[in-house]
Amino acid sequence: DGSVVTWGNRHSGGDCSEVQDRLRSVKQILATKCAFAAVLGNGSVVTWGNPEYGGDSSKVQDQLKGVRQVLAASYAFAAILADGSLVT
């Protein structure tokens, strides 16, 4: 049904309760060392986990629409949008 269940260390992404209500129609989940990014069916992205590892996307959240692909490195995420632009 596209929902998400997490467990483990809350500082490493094991607790998604703060964003649980937004985790619907999840198509893909990617991870850095201590954070997760979920790509939703509507082309938006939800992140959680350690902010130093990409778990806080609030500064770019308004740009994360029409996401085609998310890439994960050890400490950060990057999103490729439908128009070919990149959000980091």
C-alpha atoms as a PDB file:
ATOM      1  CA  ASP A   1       0.000   0.000   0.000  1.00  0.00           C
ATOM      2  CA  GLY A   2       3.043   2.292  -0.129  1.00  0.00           C
ATOM      3  CA  SER A   3       3.295   2.890   3.624  1.00  0.00           C
ATOM      4  CA  VAL A   4       6.556   2.779   5.606  1.00  0.00           C
ATOM      5  CA  VAL A   5       7.570   1.066   8.846  1.00  0.00           C
ATOM      6  CA  THR A   6      10.932   1.885  10.462  1.00  0.00           C
ATOM      7  CA  TRP A   7      12.821   0.617  13.493  1.00  0.00           C
ATOM      8  CA  GLY A   8      16.227   1.045  15.060  1.00  0.00           C
ATOM      9  CA  ASN A   9      18.188   4.017  16.325  1.00  0.00           C
ATOM     10  CA  ARG A  10      16.036   7.144  16.046  1.00  0.00           C
ATOM     11  CA  HIS A  11      19.104   9.333  15.373  1.00  0.00           C
ATOM     12  CA  SER A  12      19.960   7.203  12.356  1.00  0.00           C
ATOM     13  CA  GLY A  13      16.526   7.180  10.731  1.00  0.00           C
ATOM     14  CA  GLY A  14      14.995   4.341  12.728  1.00  0.00           C
ATOM     15  CA  ASP A  15      12.064   6.514  13.802  1.00  0.00           C
ATOM     16  CA  CYS A  16       9.933   8.161  11.114  1.00  0.00           C
ATOM     17  CA  SER A  17       7.089   9.187  13.428  1.00  0.00           C
ATOM     18  CA  GLU A  18       7.624  12.914  12.745  1.00  0.00           C
ATOM     19  CA  VAL A  19       6.887  12.399   9.031  1.00  0.00           C
ATOM     20  CA  GLN A  20       4.738   9.243   9.195  1.00  0.00           C
ATOM     21  CA  ASP A  21       1.590  11.103   8.115  1.00  0.00           C
ATOM     22  CA  ARG A  22       3.347  12.191   4.889  1.00  0.00           C
ATOM     23  CA  LEU A  23       4.654   8.720   4.003  1.00  0.00           C
ATOM     24  CA  ARG A  24       1.897   7.589   1.641  1.00  0.00           C
ATOM     25  CA  SER A  25       2.217   6.072  -1.837  1.00  0.00           C
ATOM     26  CA  VAL A  26       5.962   5.608  -1.364  1.00  0.00           C
ATOM     27  CA  LYS A  27       7.621   4.415  -4.575  1.00  0.00           C
ATOM     28  CA  GLN A  28      11.258   4.288  -3.479  1.00  0.00           C
ATOM     29  CA  ILE A  29      13.391   4.724  -0.353  1.00  0.00           C
ATOM     30  CA  LEU A  30      17.068   5.676  -0.420  1.00  0.00           C
ATOM     31  CA  ALA A  31      19.538   6.007   2.433  1.00  0.00           C
ATOM     32  CA  THR A  32      22.652   7.875   3.441  1.00  0.00           C
ATOM     33  CA  LYS A  33      24.621   6.658   6.468  1.00  0.00           C
ATOM     34  CA  CYS A  34      22.053   8.000   8.969  1.00  0.00           C
ATOM     35  CA  ALA A  35      19.015   9.305   7.036  1.00  0.00           C
ATOM     36  CA  PHE A  36      16.344   8.202   4.577  1.00  0.00           C
ATOM     37  CA  ALA A  37      14.556   9.813   1.630  1.00  0.00           C
ATOM     38  CA  ALA A  38      11.246   8.494   0.333  1.00  0.00           C
ATOM     39  CA  VAL A  39      10.093   9.341  -3.177  1.00  0.00           C
ATOM     40  CA  LEU A  40       6.305   9.521  -3.262  1.00  0.00           C
ATOM     41  CA  GLY A  41       3.970   8.704  -6.105  1.00  0.00           C
ATOM     42  CA  ASN A  42       3.131  12.387  -6.561  1.00  0.00           C
ATOM     43  CA  GLY A  43       6.790  13.245  -7.271  1.00  0.00           C
ATOM     44  CA  SER A  44       7.566  14.775  -3.887  1.00  0.00           C
ATOM     45  CA  VAL A  45      10.206  13.640  -1.380  1.00  0.00           C
ATOM     46  CA  VAL A  46      10.043  13.098   2.382  1.00  0.00           C
ATOM     47  CA  THR A  47      13.236  12.824   4.447  1.00  0.00           C
ATOM     48  CA  TRP A  48      13.931  11.819   8.030  1.00  0.00           C
ATOM     49  CA  GLY A  49      16.860  10.878  10.222  1.00  0.00           C
ATOM     50  CA  ASN A  50      20.025  12.718  11.182  1.00  0.00           C
ATOM     51  CA  PRO A  51      20.008  16.240   9.659  1.00  0.00           C
ATOM     52  CA  GLU A  52      23.785  16.141   9.147  1.00  0.00           C
ATOM     53  CA  TYR A  53      23.264  13.183   6.801  1.00  0.00           C
ATOM     54  CA  GLY A  54      20.391  14.633   4.744  1.00  0.00           C
ATOM     55  CA  GLY A  55      17.519  13.882   7.116  1.00  0.00           C
ATOM     56  CA  ASP A  56      16.218  17.468   7.045  1.00  0.00           C
ATOM     57  CA  SER A  57      15.090  18.666   3.622  1.00  0.00           C
ATOM     58  CA  SER A  58      13.084  21.649   4.911  1.00  0.00           C
ATOM     59  CA  LYS A  59      15.350  24.214   3.178  1.00  0.00           C
ATOM     60  CA  VAL A  60      14.679  22.693  -0.254  1.00  0.00           C
ATOM     61  CA  GLN A  61      11.261  21.114   0.335  1.00  0.00           C
ATOM     62  CA  ASP A  62       9.476  23.661  -1.865  1.00  0.00           C
ATOM     63  CA  GLN A  63      11.778  22.653  -4.758  1.00  0.00           C
ATOM     64  CA  LEU A  64      11.188  18.915  -4.345  1.00  0.00           C
ATOM     65  CA  LYS A  65       8.259  18.594  -6.726  1.00  0.00           C
ATOM     66  CA  GLY A  66       8.245  16.614  -9.934  1.00  0.00           C
ATOM     67  CA  VAL A  67      11.156  14.503  -8.728  1.00  0.00           C
ATOM     68  CA  ARG A  68      12.255  11.874 -11.242  1.00  0.00           C
ATOM     69  CA  GLN A  69      15.157  10.391  -9.315  1.00  0.00           C
ATOM     70  CA  VAL A  70      16.931  10.750  -5.975  1.00  0.00           C
ATOM     71  CA  LEU A  71      20.595   9.886  -5.549  1.00  0.00           C
ATOM     72  CA  ALA A  72      22.200   9.149  -2.189  1.00  0.00           C
ATOM     73  CA  ALA A  73      25.800   9.571  -1.062  1.00  0.00           C
ATOM     74  CA  SER A  74      27.210   8.973   2.409  1.00  0.00           C
ATOM     75  CA  TYR A  75      26.150  12.358   3.785  1.00  0.00           C
ATOM     76  CA  ALA A  76      23.669  13.907   1.329  1.00  0.00           C
ATOM     77  CA  PHE A  77      20.886  13.438  -1.200  1.00  0.00           C
ATOM     78  CA  ALA A  78      20.430  14.986  -4.638  1.00  0.00           C
ATOM     79  CA  ALA A  79      17.196  15.036  -6.642  1.00  0.00           C
ATOM     80  CA  ILE A  80      16.784  15.192 -10.400  1.00  0.00           C
ATOM     81  CA  LEU A  81      13.546  16.926 -11.354  1.00  0.00           C
ATOM     82  CA  ALA A  82      11.313  16.301 -14.349  1.00  0.00           C
ATOM     83  CA  ASP A  83      12.736  19.381 -16.102  1.00  0.00           C
ATOM     84  CA  GLY A  84      16.288  18.010 -15.734  1.00  0.00           C
ATOM     85  CA  SER A  85      17.353  20.407 -12.984  1.00  0.00           C
ATOM     86  CA  LEU A  86      19.150  19.264  -9.868  1.00  0.00           C
ATOM     87  CA  VAL A  87      18.265  19.963  -6.226  1.00  0.00           C
ATOM     88  CA  THR A  88      20.960  19.423  -3.587  1.00  0.00           C
END
